[in-house]
Every structure is written in C-alpha cells, then in structure tokens.
Protein backbone atom coordinates (compact mmCIF):
# COMPACT_ATOMS: atom_id res chain seq x y z
CA MET A 1 -38.90 -41.84 56.79
CA PRO A 2 -35.70 -40.04 55.65
CA SER A 3 -32.44 -41.93 55.66
CA VAL A 4 -29.52 -41.34 58.02
CA ARG A 5 -27.58 -39.68 55.20
CA GLN A 6 -30.41 -37.26 54.47
CA ILE A 7 -30.76 -36.31 58.13
CA SER A 8 -27.00 -35.83 58.40
CA ARG A 9 -27.08 -33.42 55.45
CA ARG A 10 -29.97 -31.58 57.07
CA ILE A 11 -28.00 -31.25 60.30
CA ARG A 12 -25.00 -29.77 58.47
CA SER A 13 -27.28 -27.31 56.68
CA VAL A 14 -28.91 -26.16 59.92
CA GLU A 15 -25.51 -25.86 61.61
CA ASN A 16 -24.31 -23.60 58.80
CA THR A 17 -27.44 -21.49 59.18
CA ALA A 18 -26.78 -21.20 62.92
CA LYS A 19 -23.26 -19.96 62.22
CA ILE A 20 -24.61 -17.26 59.89
CA THR A 21 -27.29 -16.08 62.32
CA LYS A 22 -24.75 -16.05 65.17
CA ALA A 23 -22.42 -13.88 63.11
CA MET A 24 -25.26 -11.50 62.21
CA SER A 25 -26.22 -11.27 65.88
CA MET A 26 -22.66 -10.37 66.85
CA ILE A 27 -22.46 -7.71 64.14
CA ALA A 28 -25.75 -6.18 65.28
CA ALA A 29 -24.56 -6.25 68.90
CA SER A 30 -21.36 -4.41 67.95
CA LYS A 31 -23.40 -1.71 66.20
CA LEU A 32 -26.06 -1.51 68.90
CA ARG A 33 -23.99 0.24 71.54
CA ARG A 34 -22.86 2.97 69.16
CA SER A 35 -26.36 3.53 67.75
CA GLN A 36 -27.88 3.46 71.25
CA GLU A 37 -25.47 6.17 72.41
CA ALA A 38 -26.28 8.25 69.32
CA ALA A 39 -30.02 7.96 69.97
CA THR A 40 -29.61 8.87 73.65
CA MET A 41 -27.44 11.89 72.86
CA GLY A 42 -29.92 12.86 70.15
CA ARG A 43 -32.69 13.02 72.74
CA SER A 44 -30.69 15.50 74.80
CA TYR A 45 -29.97 17.62 71.75
CA ARG A 46 -33.62 17.58 70.74
CA GLU A 47 -34.68 18.66 74.22
CA ARG A 48 -32.19 21.54 74.18
CA MET A 49 -33.45 22.64 70.78
CA ALA A 50 -37.03 22.54 72.04
CA SER A 51 -35.99 24.62 75.05
CA MET A 52 -34.40 27.20 72.76
CA VAL A 53 -37.52 27.37 70.60
CA THR A 54 -39.57 27.73 73.80
CA ASN A 55 -37.57 30.77 74.86
CA LEU A 56 -37.86 32.36 71.43
CA MET A 57 -41.60 31.69 71.21
CA GLY A 58 -42.03 33.37 74.59
CA GLN A 59 -40.47 36.57 73.27
CA LEU A 60 -42.64 36.88 70.18
CA HIS A 61 -45.12 39.75 70.12
CA ASP A 62 -48.41 40.07 68.31
CA LYS A 63 -46.84 42.35 65.76
CA ASP A 64 -44.22 39.79 64.86
CA ASP A 65 -44.78 37.87 61.67
CA ILE A 66 -45.77 34.25 62.18
CA HIS A 67 -43.31 31.90 60.52
CA SER A 68 -44.69 29.69 57.74
CA LEU A 69 -43.74 26.56 59.68
CA LEU A 70 -46.06 27.71 62.49
CA THR A 71 -49.00 28.49 60.22
CA GLY A 72 -51.76 25.93 60.41
CA ARG A 73 -54.40 25.50 57.73
CA GLU A 74 -57.18 23.19 56.70
CA VAL A 75 -55.75 19.75 55.98
CA ASN A 76 -56.59 18.58 52.48
CA VAL A 77 -53.38 16.67 51.83
CA ALA A 78 -51.47 15.08 54.70
CA SER A 79 -48.04 13.53 54.52
CA VAL A 80 -45.95 11.10 56.54
CA VAL A 81 -42.17 10.85 56.79
CA LEU A 82 -41.87 7.06 57.13
CA VAL A 83 -38.54 5.98 58.65
CA THR A 84 -37.83 2.25 58.26
CA PRO A 85 -34.76 0.01 57.86
CA ASP A 86 -33.36 -0.87 54.46
CA ARG A 87 -33.19 -4.56 55.34
CA GLY A 88 -35.25 -7.19 57.08
CA LEU A 89 -34.31 -9.92 59.56
CA THR A 90 -35.49 -7.69 62.41
CA GLY A 91 -38.32 -9.78 63.82
CA GLY A 92 -41.57 -7.85 64.05
CA LEU A 93 -39.97 -4.39 63.85
CA ASN A 94 -40.92 -3.60 60.25
CA SER A 95 -44.42 -5.04 60.50
CA ASN A 96 -45.09 -3.02 63.67
CA ILE A 97 -44.15 0.35 62.20
CA LEU A 98 -45.95 -0.35 58.91
CA ARG A 99 -49.08 -1.44 60.80
CA GLU A 100 -48.96 1.76 62.88
CA VAL A 101 -48.64 3.88 59.74
CA GLY A 102 -51.46 1.97 58.08
CA ASP A 103 -53.76 2.69 61.04
CA TYR A 104 -52.75 6.36 60.98
CA ILE A 105 -53.48 6.66 57.26
CA GLU A 106 -56.82 4.90 57.69
CA ASN A 107 -57.87 7.25 60.49
CA GLN A 108 -56.60 10.32 58.69
CA GLY A 109 -59.20 10.17 55.95
CA ASP A 110 -57.35 12.69 53.77
CA SER A 111 -55.17 12.39 50.73
CA ILE A 112 -51.82 11.02 51.89
CA LYS A 113 -48.30 11.51 50.57
CA ILE A 114 -45.35 9.46 51.76
CA LEU A 115 -41.70 10.41 52.07
CA ALA A 116 -39.94 7.08 52.59
CA VAL A 117 -36.64 6.93 54.44
CA GLY A 118 -35.57 3.31 54.05
CA LYS A 119 -36.27 0.60 51.50
CA LYS A 120 -38.94 -1.16 53.56
CA GLY A 121 -41.02 2.01 53.75
CA SER A 122 -40.56 2.64 50.04
CA ASP A 123 -41.73 -0.89 49.23
CA TYR A 124 -44.74 -0.44 51.50
CA ALA A 125 -45.76 2.82 49.81
CA ARG A 126 -45.47 1.20 46.38
CA ARG A 127 -47.52 -1.85 47.38
CA ALA A 128 -50.20 0.31 49.01
CA GLY A 129 -50.40 2.61 45.98
CA LEU A 130 -49.59 5.71 48.06
CA GLU A 131 -48.36 8.86 46.37
CA GLY A 132 -44.80 9.74 47.31
CA PHE A 133 -42.86 12.98 47.25
CA GLY A 134 -39.46 11.57 48.10
CA GLN A 135 -37.44 8.41 48.65
CA PHE A 136 -34.18 8.13 50.55
CA VAL A 137 -32.42 4.78 50.93
CA GLY A 138 -28.94 3.86 52.08
CA VAL A 139 -28.78 6.41 54.89
CA GLY A 140 -26.34 4.13 56.71
CA ASP A 141 -25.75 3.17 60.31
CA ARG A 142 -24.01 6.40 61.36
CA PRO A 143 -25.75 9.31 59.61
CA LYS A 144 -24.63 12.83 60.39
CA LEU A 145 -26.94 15.83 60.48
CA GLU A 146 -25.75 16.98 57.06
CA ASP A 147 -26.60 13.55 55.63
CA THR A 148 -30.28 14.05 56.52
CA LEU A 149 -30.50 17.68 55.37
CA PRO A 150 -31.94 16.73 51.93
CA ILE A 151 -34.82 14.99 53.75
CA THR A 152 -35.49 18.09 55.86
CA GLU A 153 -35.34 20.35 52.82
CA ALA A 154 -37.79 18.16 50.91
CA VAL A 155 -40.25 18.17 53.83
CA ILE A 156 -40.07 21.93 54.42
CA THR A 157 -40.32 22.74 50.70
CA GLU A 158 -43.37 20.52 50.31
CA PHE A 159 -45.10 22.12 53.31
CA VAL A 160 -44.22 25.76 52.63
CA SER A 161 -45.23 25.48 48.97
CA GLY A 162 -48.67 24.20 50.01
CA GLN A 163 -48.31 20.80 48.38
CA VAL A 164 -49.11 19.24 51.75
CA ASP A 165 -50.97 20.75 54.69
CA SER A 166 -49.54 18.66 57.51
CA VAL A 167 -46.54 16.46 58.10
CA ALA A 168 -46.09 13.62 60.59
CA VAL A 169 -43.01 11.52 61.22
CA ALA A 170 -43.30 7.76 61.80
CA TYR A 171 -40.43 5.83 63.31
CA THR A 172 -39.60 3.17 65.89
CA ARG A 173 -38.57 4.60 69.25
CA PHE A 174 -35.83 2.70 71.06
CA VAL A 175 -36.77 1.82 74.65
CA ASN A 176 -34.36 -0.98 75.52
CA THR A 177 -32.79 -4.03 73.94
CA THR A 178 -36.02 -6.02 73.92
CA SER A 179 -38.56 -3.21 73.46
CA GLN A 180 -39.12 -0.80 70.58
CA ILE A 181 -42.28 1.27 70.12
CA ALA A 182 -43.70 2.33 66.74
CA VAL A 183 -44.90 5.94 66.94
CA VAL A 184 -46.38 8.54 64.60
CA GLU A 185 -45.75 12.10 65.81
CA PRO A 186 -46.96 15.40 64.31
CA LEU A 187 -44.16 17.46 62.79
CA LEU A 188 -45.62 20.35 60.77
CA PRO A 189 -47.14 22.78 61.35
CA ILE A 190 -45.29 23.31 64.60
CA ASP A 191 -47.84 23.83 67.37
CA PRO A 192 -46.89 26.87 69.50
CA HIS A 193 -48.75 25.33 72.45
CA ASP A 194 -46.11 22.59 72.55
CA PHE A 195 -43.61 25.24 73.62
CA GLU A 196 -45.53 26.95 76.41
CA ASP A 197 -43.21 27.53 79.34
CA ASN A 198 -43.57 29.93 82.23
CA ASN A 199 -39.81 29.95 82.87
CA ASN A 200 -38.78 31.71 79.68
CA ARG A 201 -35.63 33.77 80.02
CA ASP A 202 -35.55 37.29 78.68
CA TYR A 203 -32.71 37.23 76.18
CA ILE A 204 -31.51 40.24 74.22
CA LEU A 205 -31.82 39.19 70.59
CA GLU A 206 -30.49 40.83 67.45
CA PRO A 207 -32.10 41.69 65.17
CA ASP A 208 -35.25 40.36 66.90
CA ALA A 209 -36.91 37.16 68.09
CA SER A 210 -38.85 36.51 64.88
CA ASP A 211 -35.71 36.66 62.72
CA VAL A 212 -33.80 34.37 65.04
CA LEU A 213 -36.77 32.01 65.17
CA ALA A 214 -36.93 31.94 61.37
CA ARG A 215 -33.39 30.52 61.38
CA ILE A 216 -33.94 28.15 64.29
CA LEU A 217 -37.23 26.49 63.23
CA PRO A 218 -35.87 24.76 60.07
CA ARG A 219 -32.99 23.44 62.15
CA TYR A 220 -35.44 22.27 64.77
CA VAL A 221 -37.40 20.34 62.11
CA GLY A 222 -34.14 18.86 60.87
CA THR A 223 -33.23 17.84 64.41
CA ILE A 224 -36.53 15.99 64.86
CA ILE A 225 -36.10 14.12 61.57
CA HIS A 226 -32.46 13.30 62.29
CA HIS A 227 -33.33 12.08 65.78
CA ALA A 228 -36.14 9.89 64.40
CA ILE A 229 -33.61 8.24 62.09
CA LEU A 230 -31.20 7.67 64.97
CA GLU A 231 -33.97 6.09 67.05
CA SER A 232 -34.92 3.87 64.12
CA ILE A 233 -31.32 2.71 63.63
CA ALA A 234 -30.94 1.84 67.31
CA SER A 235 -34.24 -0.05 67.21
CA GLU A 236 -33.18 -1.89 64.04
CA GLN A 237 -29.87 -3.10 65.48
CA SER A 238 -31.51 -4.14 68.73
CA ALA A 239 -34.33 -6.02 66.99
CA ARG A 240 -31.89 -7.73 64.61
CA MET A 241 -29.63 -8.84 67.45
CA VAL A 242 -32.57 -10.35 69.36
CA ALA A 243 -34.06 -11.95 66.23
CA MET A 244 -30.75 -13.52 65.20
CA ASN A 245 -30.14 -14.78 68.74
CA ASN A 246 -33.55 -16.44 68.68
CA ALA A 247 -32.85 -17.89 65.24
CA THR A 248 -29.54 -19.31 66.47
CA ASP A 249 -31.20 -20.88 69.49
CA ASN A 250 -33.92 -22.39 67.32
CA ALA A 251 -31.34 -23.77 64.91
CA ASN A 252 -29.37 -25.37 67.76
CA GLU A 253 -32.56 -26.94 69.12
CA MET A 254 -33.36 -28.28 65.65
CA VAL A 255 -29.88 -29.78 65.42
CA GLU A 256 -30.42 -31.54 68.75
CA ASP A 257 -33.79 -32.91 67.61
CA LEU A 258 -32.41 -34.07 64.27
CA THR A 259 -29.42 -35.67 65.98
CA LEU A 260 -31.77 -37.60 68.25
CA VAL A 261 -33.79 -38.82 65.26
CA MET A 262 -30.60 -39.79 63.41
CA ASN A 263 -29.29 -41.74 66.40
CA LYS A 264 -32.58 -43.61 66.69
CA LEU A 265 -32.42 -44.53 63.00
CA ARG A 266 -28.85 -45.75 63.45
CA GLN A 267 -29.86 -47.85 66.43
CA GLU A 268 -32.75 -49.36 64.47
CA SER A 269 -30.42 -50.09 61.56
CA ILE A 270 -27.84 -51.73 63.84
CA THR A 271 -30.55 -53.74 65.62
CA ASN A 272 -31.94 -54.99 62.30
CA GLU A 273 -28.48 -55.98 61.12
CA LEU A 274 -27.82 -57.86 64.37
CA LEU A 275 -31.15 -59.64 64.04
CA ASP A 276 -30.26 -60.65 60.49
CA ILE A 277 -26.89 -62.01 61.65
CA VAL A 278 -28.41 -63.90 64.56
CA GLY A 279 -31.13 -65.29 62.33
CA GLY A 280 -28.55 -66.38 59.76
CA VAL A 281 -26.39 -68.13 62.38
CA ALA A 282 -29.44 -69.88 63.81
CA ALA A 283 -30.45 -71.06 60.33
CA ILE A 284 -26.95 -72.49 59.68
CA GLU A 285 -26.87 -74.28 63.02
CA ASN A 286 -30.24 -75.88 62.34
C-alpha cells in the first residue's frame, strides 16, 4: 500500500497533466473554427471547379486531343497521396486513416508508391516498407494553395511521366466535431464520366475547349489535393480537442479517486494513533 506522501505526489502529477491537456484542448478549439471554415469554403471551391471542368468536358469534340490527365491505362504501379497530421494526441484519427490506407493497398494488389503529406504518413510508409516518391512535412495549420503546389507538381509529374499509372488521395474528411471519416478517393486519371452533366452551358472559348481544359485540369488536381489537406487539418484539430477533453476528464476523475484513497489512509493513520494513545493511557491507569 503506498504512503500518503506518495499518493499526494501522484495527485500533484496528475493535476499537472490535466492542466497540460486542458491547455492543448483550448488551443485545438481555437484553431478548429478557422480550419473548419477553411474546409467548408474549400468544398464550395472544389464544387465550382468541378462544375467548370464539367462545362469544358461537354464542349470537347472527338477531334480534340485528350489531355494526359484524362488518359487511362493498365495499372501496373499505383500510388497514394497519404495526408496525415504531423503530430499525435488525436485519439483514433491517425490509426483510422492508416488502417483505411492499409486495406486499400491490400486490395489493390499492384506495386504501390506513397507520397506522404505529414509525418505520421511518412513514418507509416517507412515502417511498412513502401516505396515513396515524395515526402512533405510541416505544411502548417493554414496552408495556402501555393504552399501545396509542390505536392501537385510531384503528383502530376509522376503520373504524366508514366512512373505511376493511377493516383488516389487518402485523407480524413471532417463531418462534425465528434465525427471524422477516413476516405481514399481516386484522383488520376480523371474519369470523364464523373463530369457528365446535361445542363452544360455553351460558352465561347478562345482558343478552344481543349486548350482551356489543359490549363484547368492541373489546377483542378491541385484543388482536390489542397482541399484534402484542409479537411485533414480540420479533422486533426477536432479530434485533438475531443481527445484532450477526454484526457482532462479522466485525469480529474483519477485525482478524485486518489484523493479518496489518500483520505482513507489518513483516517486509518489517525485512528491507529488514537488507539495507541488510548491504549497507552489505559496501561498507565492500570
């Protein structure tokens, strides 16, 4: 049985831990609103970009050259853009996305290359012995589109050069404060059927639709990657806030339990001392 002094030290240690987790929860909460707004606005921008690509795809003719990002081929080497946080303390967020990617790789059955965005994804690729063609860490909590351009350029270069035959992007989609979903979505080649729309508008384009599309498609790929990073950041801050709140609550409960044990030990000690005094007085009187 530990002594009262040992339990008291344990209580102080747990209280200090609760202060740290509370502070981390407050920091994550302050970042959550901004990252949530960025992810929500990113969805709107992505939808508008998809609508623009839809209109351009509807104006292509058979004689138009098919862009290399639209050209599908037999998949011998697949790749995944794995978007993860740089840090832990996010509950089950990291394990969920890594498990989803592991299942995807297992079902793929082809040679896999990984482009890791985030330290946790990079560590996973190294532990699993997966071949990588890029690593980007320290993206930050407020990345701009130009900050993620090197990632887009690396992905497009790898696909156009034929080093990989397909590209998927894996990230954690933000649903709400308590729910984040790990998803793996196809990225390249871009499937024209994803842009079928009967309400295409007949725009007058110069020089022509194929040239405009050739400029738009790389930006569309960059938009998807940038939006995946924004969703992952919002999910990270939300998961960290919830995890640190739970850790704080658990620490406070542990303090209460330890305090109860310490008080019981003190009562036992006081009772024993009183019994010794009473016994001593009775012995003197006899």
